[in-house]
Amino acid sequence: MNWRVLVLLMSAAVWLACGCASLRFMNSQTKIPETCLATCARLNIAPTKFILVVHISRQKLSVFEDGKFVKIFSCSTSRFGIGQIEGSNRTPLGLHRIAEKIGAGEPAGMVFNSRLVVGHTSQPEFADAKITTRILWLEGLEPGFNQGGNVDSHHRYIYIHGTADQKSIGQPASRGCVHLADADLIPLFDLLPSGTLVWIQER
């Protein structure tokens, strides 16, 4: 076989493989994962009107309404990786719900400590604040996996929240929580009721 033809065929094969992988991921972003729905069924939990899906490997958060894809945002999960154990500073997997919403009506950049407002990122002492703007406090729904004992996401203070370091969004940067940019977090906070399901998966 002519070497030029061989190179073209190999290039086409690589392009098709990459394209198929991208298509599979796009499908995973725009459909509620079957594992999420299966977990809901196993736990006898009805899917909520809105469902959030966090894709850790791609640092993305997808929003679904009535089972249909609505939008995708860049996010940041733990720089220490994936893990369920208290004290690991890792992002937990599995089915969660929004247990509490904190910070409604506050200006972007407000800084929280123990869920209380303590300042603003415009103040020098809070320029690198870790928890800002809004807090969606998550509760794990899978006993023994992300609920109860030393794997309890709520007791681990796993939030979806803002951060002073907006440039880090899109890459692992947190200590277990999920970070969103203020421009995405505020309207999402206003949209989602407490109880909204959140599914966190590796891919």
Protein backbone atom coordinates (compact mmCIF):
# COMPACT_ATOMS: atom_id res chain seq x y z
CA MET A 1 0.00 0.00 0.00
CA ASN A 2 1.25 3.48 -0.85
CA TRP A 3 2.63 5.10 2.29
CA ARG A 4 0.66 8.30 1.66
CA VAL A 5 -2.59 6.34 1.56
CA LEU A 6 -1.59 4.52 4.75
CA VAL A 7 -0.95 7.83 6.55
CA LEU A 8 -4.32 9.19 5.38
CA LEU A 9 -6.11 6.07 6.57
CA MET A 10 -4.41 6.19 9.96
CA SER A 11 -5.24 9.90 10.34
CA ALA A 12 -8.87 9.22 9.45
CA ALA A 13 -9.03 6.41 12.03
CA VAL A 14 -7.64 8.68 14.76
CA TRP A 15 -10.07 11.46 13.80
CA LEU A 16 -13.03 9.06 13.91
CA ALA A 17 -11.97 7.65 17.27
CA CYS A 18 -11.65 11.13 18.77
CA GLY A 19 -14.94 12.16 17.24
CA CYS A 20 -16.74 9.13 18.65
CA ALA A 21 -15.26 9.77 22.10
CA SER A 22 -16.36 13.41 21.96
CA LEU A 23 -19.83 12.37 20.82
CA ARG A 24 -20.13 9.88 23.69
CA PHE A 25 -19.19 12.59 26.15
CA MET A 26 -21.60 15.10 24.60
CA ASN A 27 -24.35 12.51 24.96
CA SER A 28 -23.36 11.99 28.60
CA GLN A 29 -23.60 15.73 29.19
CA THR A 30 -26.99 16.15 27.55
CA LYS A 31 -28.75 13.12 29.08
CA ILE A 32 -29.39 12.36 32.71
CA PRO A 33 -27.05 9.42 33.44
CA GLU A 34 -28.77 6.04 33.66
CA THR A 35 -26.83 5.37 36.86
CA CYS A 36 -28.42 8.45 38.43
CA LEU A 37 -31.93 7.33 37.50
CA ALA A 38 -31.20 3.77 38.61
CA THR A 39 -29.98 5.04 41.99
CA CYS A 40 -33.15 7.13 42.37
CA ALA A 41 -35.24 4.03 41.64
CA ARG A 42 -33.22 1.89 44.06
CA LEU A 43 -33.68 4.43 46.86
CA ASN A 44 -37.31 5.11 45.92
CA ILE A 45 -36.53 8.78 45.34
CA ALA A 46 -38.56 10.58 42.68
CA PRO A 47 -36.51 12.68 40.23
CA THR A 48 -36.96 16.39 40.93
CA LYS A 49 -38.00 19.01 38.38
CA PHE A 50 -34.38 20.15 38.12
CA ILE A 51 -31.40 17.81 38.36
CA LEU A 52 -27.74 18.86 38.43
CA VAL A 53 -25.04 16.52 37.15
CA VAL A 54 -21.39 17.19 38.01
CA HIS A 55 -18.82 15.64 35.62
CA ILE A 56 -15.58 15.61 37.61
CA SER A 57 -13.25 14.49 34.82
CA ARG A 58 -14.38 17.37 32.59
CA GLN A 59 -15.00 19.92 35.35
CA LYS A 60 -18.51 20.58 34.06
CA LEU A 61 -21.95 20.89 35.65
CA SER A 62 -25.04 20.09 33.57
CA VAL A 63 -28.53 21.37 34.37
CA PHE A 64 -31.65 19.39 33.45
CA GLU A 65 -35.28 20.46 33.70
CA ASP A 66 -38.07 17.88 33.46
CA GLY A 67 -35.51 15.39 32.15
CA LYS A 68 -34.29 17.66 29.36
CA PHE A 69 -30.85 19.22 29.06
CA VAL A 70 -30.89 22.99 29.69
CA LYS A 71 -27.35 24.27 30.10
CA ILE A 72 -23.79 23.36 31.03
CA PHE A 73 -21.35 25.35 33.17
CA SER A 74 -17.67 25.07 33.97
CA CYS A 75 -17.01 24.18 37.59
CA SER A 76 -14.17 23.21 39.90
CA THR A 77 -14.05 20.14 42.11
CA SER A 78 -11.39 19.01 44.58
CA ARG A 79 -7.73 19.36 43.73
CA PHE A 80 -7.22 16.25 45.88
CA GLY A 81 -9.44 14.10 43.67
CA ILE A 82 -12.48 11.95 44.41
CA GLY A 83 -13.32 10.52 47.83
CA GLN A 84 -16.10 10.00 50.33
CA ILE A 85 -14.18 10.02 53.63
CA GLU A 86 -14.41 12.87 56.10
CA GLY A 87 -11.15 14.82 56.30
CA SER A 88 -10.00 13.73 52.83
CA ASN A 89 -10.80 17.12 51.24
CA ARG A 90 -12.03 15.17 48.21
CA THR A 91 -15.23 15.52 46.21
CA PRO A 92 -17.76 12.78 46.96
CA LEU A 93 -19.62 10.81 44.31
CA GLY A 94 -23.23 9.77 44.11
CA LEU A 95 -26.73 11.08 44.69
CA HIS A 96 -27.22 14.22 46.76
CA ARG A 97 -29.84 16.86 47.24
CA ILE A 98 -29.69 20.57 48.01
CA ALA A 99 -30.45 20.61 51.73
CA GLU A 100 -30.03 24.32 52.41
CA LYS A 101 -29.60 27.53 50.42
CA ILE A 102 -27.56 30.32 52.00
CA GLY A 103 -26.81 33.84 50.82
CA ALA A 104 -29.97 34.85 48.95
CA GLY A 105 -29.89 38.50 47.94
CA GLU A 106 -26.28 39.11 48.92
CA PRO A 107 -24.00 40.91 46.44
CA ALA A 108 -21.55 38.80 44.46
CA GLY A 109 -18.28 38.44 46.32
CA MET A 110 -19.71 38.33 49.82
CA VAL A 111 -17.52 36.11 52.03
CA PHE A 112 -18.89 33.40 54.31
CA ASN A 113 -17.42 31.75 57.37
CA SER A 114 -19.51 29.01 58.98
CA ARG A 115 -22.25 30.16 56.57
CA LEU A 116 -22.32 33.67 58.05
CA VAL A 117 -21.34 36.82 56.13
CA VAL A 118 -17.99 38.12 57.37
CA GLY A 119 -16.84 40.49 54.62
CA HIS A 120 -16.37 41.02 50.89
CA THR A 121 -13.66 40.01 48.44
CA SER A 122 -13.01 43.72 47.76
CA GLN A 123 -11.47 43.93 51.23
CA PRO A 124 -7.75 43.05 51.18
CA GLU A 125 -8.06 40.52 53.99
CA PHE A 126 -10.68 38.59 51.98
CA ALA A 127 -9.10 38.84 48.53
CA ASP A 128 -8.45 35.07 48.45
CA ALA A 129 -11.60 33.96 50.29
CA LYS A 130 -12.60 30.36 49.67
CA ILE A 131 -16.39 30.52 50.16
CA THR A 132 -18.21 33.42 48.57
CA THR A 133 -21.43 34.70 46.97
CA ARG A 134 -23.87 31.78 47.52
CA ILE A 135 -23.93 28.37 49.21
CA LEU A 136 -25.94 25.32 48.17
CA TRP A 137 -25.32 22.87 51.01
CA LEU A 138 -25.55 19.26 49.84
CA GLU A 139 -26.86 16.21 51.65
CA GLY A 140 -25.88 12.70 50.60
CA LEU A 141 -28.76 10.32 49.94
CA GLU A 142 -26.94 6.97 49.75
CA PRO A 143 -26.56 5.40 53.22
CA GLY A 144 -23.05 4.13 53.85
CA PHE A 145 -21.73 5.80 50.70
CA ASN A 146 -22.30 9.54 51.12
CA GLN A 147 -24.71 9.53 54.07
CA GLY A 148 -23.95 8.62 57.68
CA GLY A 149 -20.79 7.74 59.57
CA ASN A 150 -17.52 9.17 58.27
CA VAL A 151 -18.80 9.50 54.68
CA ASP A 152 -21.63 11.96 55.34
CA SER A 153 -21.47 14.73 52.73
CA HIS A 154 -23.62 17.10 54.80
CA HIS A 155 -21.42 16.69 57.87
CA ARG A 156 -18.41 17.17 55.61
CA TYR A 157 -19.83 20.57 54.59
CA ILE A 158 -19.90 19.75 50.89
CA TYR A 159 -21.28 22.82 49.10
CA ILE A 160 -21.77 24.22 45.65
CA HIS A 161 -20.47 27.76 46.17
CA GLY A 162 -18.55 30.71 44.82
CA THR A 163 -14.88 31.53 45.26
CA ALA A 164 -12.74 34.64 45.15
CA ASP A 165 -10.46 32.88 42.67
CA GLN A 166 -12.79 33.00 39.66
CA LYS A 167 -9.90 32.20 37.30
CA SER A 168 -9.60 28.71 38.78
CA ILE A 169 -13.07 27.70 37.57
CA GLY A 170 -12.74 24.84 35.10
CA GLN A 171 -9.86 23.09 36.83
CA PRO A 172 -9.66 21.10 40.08
CA ALA A 173 -9.11 23.68 42.79
CA SER A 174 -11.42 23.10 45.76
CA ARG A 175 -11.10 21.18 49.01
CA GLY A 176 -14.05 18.92 48.26
CA CYS A 177 -16.80 21.33 47.26
CA VAL A 178 -17.98 22.32 43.79
CA HIS A 179 -17.07 25.87 42.75
CA LEU A 180 -19.03 27.90 40.20
CA ALA A 181 -18.41 31.35 38.72
CA ASP A 182 -20.56 34.08 40.26
CA ALA A 183 -22.24 34.79 36.92
CA ASP A 184 -23.45 31.17 36.80
CA LEU A 185 -24.00 30.55 40.50
CA ILE A 186 -26.37 33.43 41.26
CA PRO A 187 -29.04 32.66 38.62
CA LEU A 188 -28.71 28.93 39.34
CA PHE A 189 -29.22 29.59 43.06
CA ASP A 190 -32.34 31.62 42.29
CA LEU A 191 -33.68 28.94 39.95
CA LEU A 192 -33.25 25.82 42.08
CA PRO A 193 -35.49 24.99 45.03
CA SER A 194 -34.22 23.20 48.10
CA GLY A 195 -34.48 19.46 47.60
CA THR A 196 -33.15 19.56 44.02
CA LEU A 197 -31.18 16.40 43.23
CA VAL A 198 -27.47 16.61 42.49
CA TRP A 199 -25.65 13.67 40.90
CA ILE A 200 -21.83 13.70 41.11
CA GLN A 201 -19.95 11.30 38.84
CA GLU A 202 -16.39 10.76 37.72
CA ARG A 203 -16.98 11.20 33.97
